[in-house]
Amino acid sequence: MVDPDGDVGYERCVAHGVLILAQYALAAENNKERAAKQRLVVQEAVKAFNETYSAHLQAEMVAEQEFAEIAEALPEERKLPYVIDLLFVDPFAPYVLKCSRDAVDCGLAAIVEAVQPTLPEFGDDWVATAQAGQEIVQLLLDSQKDAAKAHKHLDVAKMFMFGVGGAALIAITAGAAAPFVGTAVGATAGLSGAAALLHGLAMIGGGSLAAGGWGMAGGFWILTGTGALVGAAGGSTTAALVSLGAEGARAELMKLQVTFKQVIIPRSKREAADAIATVLLRRDEVRESHHDAAKRNEDDAPAVKALERLGQALTDAATWMARVLEQA
């Protein structure tokens, strides 16, 4: 299930996790018309998953073995970032389908129970129970809500919509991603080319695959300068952020903020301080781009305004991270 670098294994785990969350939402849906639409989306996604990974998942049945496969494939250091990745996905994207948030959270709690990520609040030897899984999901949800407050002037729902779309548009230029995502996943919806790739990326987790499917999860690509997004945008993390746009970047920054609080700080406060410095460096690079754009465009030109919002997003994230580190 995992290649020598672990990349395909993580990519598959993300896709698998999104399917589990969708199945939980479908099982809890009481509206017959909506359930029929959800079922169609799940069936297409499961078919694509099985064809891509030579798997035999069922469209409406989550077996214990499925959770066991994910737990076995994830090394310890990737477990919590993996859960954080799933915290930010829409299980039915790119389609707009309402679903029970409580049901999705129950699915995420079941995944937590199986993979058993390490959180400082729970210690290294916490007992894997449904209640413990729910408590961890709630802890992460609280962190997510707190992270969102740093960007309170933005419509969070719009942020996630742009996060999926922006990540997909970046990955359209990533040659390694196109065969898997476009052909294997997008084709199941009768799509081709860029439309198939957009559909495929969103179906298996949107930004999670584009930003983290090749080894970086939880928004780490912003700090490290590696990953599919960076390569697709021409080798620059800042270029990737600019290409994502303010809304898409904020979605990834929020994921980074949650990871910062739950993963980076407990591991090393020095590393946490370095992470803040890196985000501020990205902010300064964006400000320089904004300055150059302002010299050549009207002040209210879309490109100028977009860079201004992106710079503010990076400032908001860094300010929040500094506050959390100070309180740690």
Protein backbone atom coordinates (compact mmCIF):
# COMPACT_ATOMS: atom_id res chain seq x y z
CA MET A 1 0.00 0.00 0.00
CA VAL A 2 2.94 2.34 0.60
CA ASP A 3 5.74 2.94 -1.87
CA PRO A 4 9.35 3.44 -0.64
CA ASP A 5 8.77 7.17 -0.22
CA GLY A 6 5.35 6.75 1.33
CA ASP A 7 3.75 9.18 -1.13
CA VAL A 8 1.32 6.90 -2.92
CA GLY A 9 0.37 5.40 0.43
CA TYR A 10 -0.53 8.78 1.87
CA GLU A 11 -2.39 9.76 -1.30
CA ARG A 12 -4.42 6.58 -1.06
CA CYS A 13 -5.11 7.10 2.64
CA VAL A 14 -6.51 10.57 1.95
CA ALA A 15 -8.74 9.24 -0.82
CA HIS A 16 -9.85 6.35 1.39
CA GLY A 17 -10.58 8.64 4.34
CA VAL A 18 -12.72 10.98 2.22
CA LEU A 19 -14.76 8.00 1.03
CA ILE A 20 -15.34 6.85 4.60
CA LEU A 21 -16.57 10.30 5.60
CA ALA A 22 -18.91 10.37 2.60
CA GLN A 23 -20.28 6.95 3.51
CA TYR A 24 -21.01 8.09 7.06
CA ALA A 25 -22.81 11.16 5.74
CA LEU A 26 -24.83 9.05 3.29
CA ALA A 27 -25.88 6.58 5.99
CA ALA A 28 -27.25 9.44 8.12
CA GLU A 29 -29.10 11.29 5.32
CA ASN A 30 -32.89 11.33 5.78
CA ASN A 31 -33.79 13.31 2.67
CA LYS A 32 -34.41 10.68 -0.02
CA GLU A 33 -33.69 12.96 -2.97
CA ARG A 34 -30.44 14.22 -1.46
CA ALA A 35 -29.44 10.72 -0.42
CA ALA A 36 -29.87 9.54 -4.01
CA LYS A 37 -27.49 12.25 -5.20
CA GLN A 38 -24.99 11.48 -2.46
CA ARG A 39 -25.15 7.78 -3.33
CA LEU A 40 -24.37 8.53 -6.98
CA VAL A 41 -21.33 10.59 -6.02
CA VAL A 42 -20.10 7.92 -3.61
CA GLN A 43 -20.56 5.15 -6.17
CA GLU A 44 -18.54 7.08 -8.76
CA ALA A 45 -15.79 7.80 -6.26
CA VAL A 46 -15.59 4.21 -5.01
CA LYS A 47 -15.44 2.91 -8.58
CA ALA A 48 -12.58 5.30 -9.34
CA PHE A 49 -10.77 4.34 -6.16
CA ASN A 50 -11.05 0.63 -6.89
CA GLU A 51 -9.84 1.03 -10.48
CA THR A 52 -6.93 3.22 -9.42
CA TYR A 53 -5.70 1.12 -6.51
CA SER A 54 -6.94 -2.36 -7.52
CA ALA A 55 -9.09 -2.27 -4.40
CA HIS A 56 -12.48 -3.77 -3.63
CA LEU A 57 -14.28 -1.20 -1.52
CA GLN A 58 -18.06 -1.26 -1.27
CA ALA A 59 -20.04 1.87 -2.06
CA GLU A 60 -22.20 1.74 1.05
CA MET A 61 -20.35 -0.37 3.57
CA VAL A 62 -17.50 0.69 5.83
CA ALA A 63 -15.81 -2.45 7.15
CA GLU A 64 -13.38 -2.66 10.05
CA GLN A 65 -10.73 -3.86 7.60
CA GLU A 66 -10.88 -0.51 5.82
CA PHE A 67 -9.87 1.31 8.98
CA ALA A 68 -7.17 -1.26 9.66
CA GLU A 69 -5.63 -0.69 6.22
CA ILE A 70 -5.38 3.06 6.81
CA ALA A 71 -3.91 2.61 10.28
CA GLU A 72 -1.30 0.18 8.98
CA ALA A 73 -0.28 2.44 6.10
CA LEU A 74 0.33 5.60 8.14
CA PRO A 75 3.64 6.07 9.97
CA GLU A 76 3.31 7.64 13.41
CA GLU A 77 4.46 11.11 12.36
CA ARG A 78 1.79 11.31 9.64
CA LYS A 79 -1.21 10.20 11.68
CA LEU A 80 -2.22 13.52 13.21
CA PRO A 81 -1.54 15.61 10.07
CA TYR A 82 -3.64 13.04 8.20
CA VAL A 83 -6.58 13.54 10.55
CA ILE A 84 -6.17 17.31 10.20
CA ASP A 85 -6.23 16.96 6.41
CA LEU A 86 -9.55 15.10 6.66
CA LEU A 87 -10.89 17.72 9.06
CA PHE A 88 -10.84 20.23 6.19
CA VAL A 89 -12.39 18.20 3.37
CA ASP A 90 -15.87 18.31 1.90
CA PRO A 91 -16.66 14.61 1.27
CA PHE A 92 -18.90 15.40 -1.72
CA ALA A 93 -16.84 18.14 -3.41
CA PRO A 94 -16.87 19.41 -6.11
CA TYR A 95 -20.62 18.89 -5.96
CA VAL A 96 -22.69 21.08 -3.66
CA LEU A 97 -24.51 18.64 -1.41
CA LYS A 98 -25.60 19.32 2.14
CA CYS A 99 -24.76 16.63 4.65
CA SER A 100 -24.80 16.04 8.39
CA ARG A 101 -21.72 17.57 10.01
CA ASP A 102 -22.34 15.36 13.02
CA ALA A 103 -22.27 12.27 10.80
CA VAL A 104 -19.02 13.36 9.16
CA ASP A 105 -17.51 14.01 12.59
CA CYS A 106 -18.57 10.51 13.69
CA GLY A 107 -16.75 9.10 10.68
CA LEU A 108 -13.68 11.14 11.53
CA ALA A 109 -13.85 9.93 15.15
CA ALA A 110 -13.92 6.34 13.90
CA ILE A 111 -10.82 7.02 11.80
CA VAL A 112 -9.12 8.60 14.83
CA GLU A 113 -9.96 5.54 16.90
CA ALA A 114 -8.33 3.34 14.26
CA VAL A 115 -5.16 5.31 13.50
CA GLN A 116 -4.59 6.48 17.12
CA PRO A 117 -2.70 9.75 16.55
CA THR A 118 -0.63 11.13 19.40
CA LEU A 119 -1.90 14.32 21.03
CA PRO A 120 -0.24 15.90 24.07
CA GLU A 121 -3.58 16.37 25.81
CA PHE A 122 -4.26 12.64 25.64
CA GLY A 123 -0.77 11.25 26.13
CA ASP A 124 0.97 8.51 24.18
CA ASP A 125 -1.01 5.63 25.66
CA TRP A 126 -4.60 6.78 25.42
CA VAL A 127 -7.17 4.02 25.06
CA ALA A 128 -8.71 3.87 21.60
CA THR A 129 -12.44 4.14 22.20
CA ALA A 130 -15.30 5.81 20.39
CA GLN A 131 -15.52 8.37 23.18
CA ALA A 132 -11.81 9.16 22.95
CA GLY A 133 -12.10 9.51 19.19
CA GLN A 134 -14.97 11.96 19.58
CA GLU A 135 -13.05 13.96 22.18
CA ILE A 136 -10.05 14.27 19.86
CA VAL A 137 -12.23 15.35 16.94
CA GLN A 138 -13.83 17.98 19.17
CA LEU A 139 -10.41 19.20 20.25
CA LEU A 140 -9.38 19.59 16.60
CA LEU A 141 -12.67 21.29 15.74
CA ASP A 142 -12.08 23.77 18.54
CA SER A 143 -8.61 24.46 17.15
CA GLN A 144 -10.09 24.90 13.69
CA LYS A 145 -12.66 27.40 14.95
CA ASP A 146 -9.98 29.32 16.81
CA ALA A 147 -7.79 29.38 13.71
CA ALA A 148 -10.72 30.72 11.67
CA LYS A 149 -11.04 33.69 14.04
CA ALA A 150 -7.73 34.97 12.72
CA HIS A 151 -9.48 35.35 9.36
CA LYS A 152 -12.83 36.54 10.71
CA HIS A 153 -13.25 39.14 7.97
CA LEU A 154 -13.50 36.36 5.36
CA ASP A 155 -16.44 34.12 4.50
CA VAL A 156 -15.16 30.72 5.65
CA ALA A 157 -17.56 28.80 3.40
CA LYS A 158 -16.24 30.74 0.42
CA MET A 159 -12.71 30.04 1.58
CA PHE A 160 -13.17 26.29 1.37
CA MET A 161 -14.88 26.54 -2.00
CA PHE A 162 -11.93 28.46 -3.40
CA GLY A 163 -9.51 26.19 -1.55
CA VAL A 164 -10.67 23.14 -3.49
CA GLY A 165 -10.92 24.92 -6.83
CA GLY A 166 -7.65 26.79 -6.46
CA ALA A 167 -5.71 23.70 -5.50
CA ALA A 168 -7.12 21.81 -8.45
CA LEU A 169 -6.24 24.56 -10.91
CA ILE A 170 -2.65 24.57 -9.66
CA ALA A 171 -2.37 20.82 -10.02
CA ILE A 172 -3.59 20.90 -13.61
CA THR A 173 0.01 21.61 -14.60
CA ALA A 174 1.44 18.80 -12.47
CA GLY A 175 2.19 16.07 -14.99
CA ALA A 176 2.56 13.36 -12.37
CA ALA A 177 -0.90 14.04 -11.00
CA ALA A 178 -2.81 14.24 -14.26
CA PRO A 179 -2.89 10.55 -15.27
CA PHE A 180 -4.06 9.40 -11.84
CA VAL A 181 -6.52 12.15 -11.07
CA GLY A 182 -7.81 13.04 -14.50
CA THR A 183 -8.09 9.61 -16.10
CA ALA A 184 -8.83 7.33 -13.18
CA VAL A 185 -11.10 9.61 -11.17
CA GLY A 186 -12.43 12.33 -13.43
CA ALA A 187 -13.36 9.94 -16.22
CA THR A 188 -15.95 8.24 -14.02
CA ALA A 189 -18.04 11.42 -14.25
CA GLY A 190 -17.77 11.49 -18.04
CA LEU A 191 -15.27 14.34 -17.98
CA SER A 192 -11.95 14.86 -19.73
CA GLY A 193 -8.96 17.16 -19.63
CA ALA A 194 -8.85 19.93 -17.05
CA ALA A 195 -12.47 19.32 -16.02
CA ALA A 196 -11.70 15.70 -15.21
CA LEU A 197 -8.65 16.69 -13.20
CA LEU A 198 -10.61 19.29 -11.25
CA HIS A 199 -13.31 16.72 -10.51
CA GLY A 200 -10.79 14.06 -9.55
CA LEU A 201 -8.83 16.26 -7.18
CA ALA A 202 -11.92 17.41 -5.37
CA MET A 203 -13.39 13.91 -5.21
CA ILE A 204 -10.41 12.62 -3.27
CA GLY A 205 -10.03 15.55 -0.96
CA GLY A 206 -9.34 18.70 -2.95
CA GLY A 207 -6.55 20.69 -1.38
CA SER A 208 -5.49 17.74 0.72
CA LEU A 209 -4.26 15.83 -2.31
CA ALA A 210 -2.82 18.80 -4.16
CA ALA A 211 -0.96 20.21 -1.16
CA GLY A 212 -0.21 17.07 0.76
CA GLY A 213 -0.65 13.99 -1.37
CA TRP A 214 3.03 13.79 -2.24
CA GLY A 215 4.40 13.68 1.27
CA MET A 216 3.37 16.92 2.99
CA ALA A 217 0.21 17.12 5.07
CA GLY A 218 -1.49 19.67 7.26
CA GLY A 219 -0.22 22.66 5.25
CA PHE A 220 3.47 21.84 5.79
CA TRP A 221 4.25 22.68 2.15
CA ILE A 222 3.94 26.37 3.04
CA LEU A 223 6.85 26.00 5.45
CA THR A 224 9.04 23.58 3.55
CA GLY A 225 8.77 24.85 -0.01
CA THR A 226 8.14 21.35 -1.31
CA GLY A 227 5.19 19.41 -2.67
CA ALA A 228 3.05 19.26 -5.79
CA LEU A 229 1.68 22.77 -5.47
CA VAL A 230 5.12 24.32 -5.40
CA GLY A 231 6.39 22.30 -8.33
CA ALA A 232 3.31 23.12 -10.37
CA ALA A 233 3.66 26.83 -9.70
CA GLY A 234 7.25 27.00 -10.93
CA GLY A 235 9.33 26.06 -7.91
CA SER A 236 8.35 28.88 -5.55
CA THR A 237 6.19 28.53 -2.46
CA THR A 238 5.21 32.17 -2.83
CA ALA A 239 4.23 31.57 -6.46
CA ALA A 240 2.04 28.69 -5.31
CA LEU A 241 0.35 30.90 -2.71
CA VAL A 242 -0.25 33.63 -5.28
CA SER A 243 -1.67 31.10 -7.73
CA LEU A 244 -4.01 29.73 -5.07
CA GLY A 245 -5.41 33.17 -4.42
CA ALA A 246 -6.26 34.68 -1.04
CA GLU A 247 -9.21 32.40 -0.33
CA GLY A 248 -7.42 29.20 -1.31
CA ALA A 249 -4.31 30.24 0.59
CA ARG A 250 -6.34 31.01 3.70
CA ALA A 251 -7.80 27.50 3.63
CA GLU A 252 -4.31 26.01 3.58
CA LEU A 253 -3.10 28.50 6.18
CA MET A 254 -5.89 27.47 8.53
CA LYS A 255 -4.84 23.86 8.10
CA LEU A 256 -1.29 24.91 8.88
CA GLN A 257 -2.46 26.79 11.97
CA VAL A 258 -4.20 23.72 13.40
CA THR A 259 -1.14 21.60 12.64
CA PHE A 260 1.08 24.25 14.22
CA LYS A 261 -0.86 24.06 17.47
CA GLN A 262 -1.34 20.31 17.66
CA VAL A 263 1.83 18.98 15.98
CA ILE A 264 4.64 21.52 15.68
CA ILE A 265 4.53 23.19 19.12
CA PRO A 266 4.42 19.89 21.07
CA ARG A 267 7.34 18.65 19.00
CA SER A 268 9.59 21.70 19.34
CA LYS A 269 9.04 25.32 20.32
CA ARG A 270 12.17 26.23 18.37
CA GLU A 271 10.66 24.65 15.29
CA ALA A 272 7.43 26.55 16.01
CA ALA A 273 9.33 29.85 16.13
CA ASP A 274 11.03 28.97 12.83
CA ALA A 275 7.60 28.22 11.33
CA ILE A 276 6.33 31.67 12.25
CA ALA A 277 9.45 33.24 10.74
CA THR A 278 8.86 31.30 7.52
CA VAL A 279 5.25 32.46 7.24
CA LEU A 280 6.41 36.05 7.77
CA LEU A 281 9.05 35.55 5.08
CA ARG A 282 6.32 34.42 2.68
CA ARG A 283 4.33 37.50 3.72
CA ASP A 284 7.24 39.80 2.91
CA GLU A 285 7.70 38.15 -0.48
CA VAL A 286 4.01 38.66 -1.24
CA ARG A 287 4.25 42.29 -0.13
CA GLU A 288 7.13 42.79 -2.54
CA SER A 289 5.01 41.32 -5.34
CA HIS A 290 2.17 43.62 -4.30
CA HIS A 291 4.49 46.62 -4.45
CA ASP A 292 5.65 45.68 -7.96
CA ALA A 293 2.07 45.12 -9.12
CA ALA A 294 0.92 48.44 -7.68
CA LYS A 295 3.54 50.27 -9.76
CA ARG A 296 2.08 48.85 -12.96
CA ASN A 297 -1.67 48.68 -12.29
CA GLU A 298 -4.54 50.75 -10.99
CA ASP A 299 -4.79 50.62 -7.20
CA ASP A 300 -8.07 48.73 -7.38
CA ALA A 301 -6.94 46.26 -10.06
CA PRO A 302 -7.91 42.65 -9.20
CA ALA A 303 -4.28 41.48 -9.16
CA VAL A 304 -3.29 44.23 -6.74
CA LYS A 305 -6.23 43.59 -4.45
CA ALA A 306 -5.62 39.83 -4.51
CA LEU A 307 -2.01 40.27 -3.42
CA GLU A 308 -3.10 42.67 -0.69
CA ARG A 309 -5.58 40.09 0.66
CA LEU A 310 -2.97 37.35 0.46
CA GLY A 311 -0.47 39.43 2.43
CA GLN A 312 -3.14 40.05 5.05
CA ALA A 313 -3.92 36.32 5.23
CA LEU A 314 -0.28 35.52 5.93
CA THR A 315 -0.11 38.26 8.55
CA ASP A 316 -3.28 36.96 10.21
CA ALA A 317 -1.90 33.42 10.33
CA ALA A 318 1.48 34.47 11.69
CA THR A 319 -0.12 36.66 14.37
CA TRP A 320 -2.34 33.78 15.48
CA MET A 321 0.61 31.37 15.54
CA ALA A 322 2.68 33.79 17.64
CA ARG A 323 -0.15 34.12 20.15
CA VAL A 324 -0.59 30.36 20.43
CA LEU A 325 3.14 29.84 20.88
CA GLU A 326 3.28 32.49 23.59
CA GLN A 327 0.45 30.75 25.45
CA ALA A 328 1.99 27.28 25.13
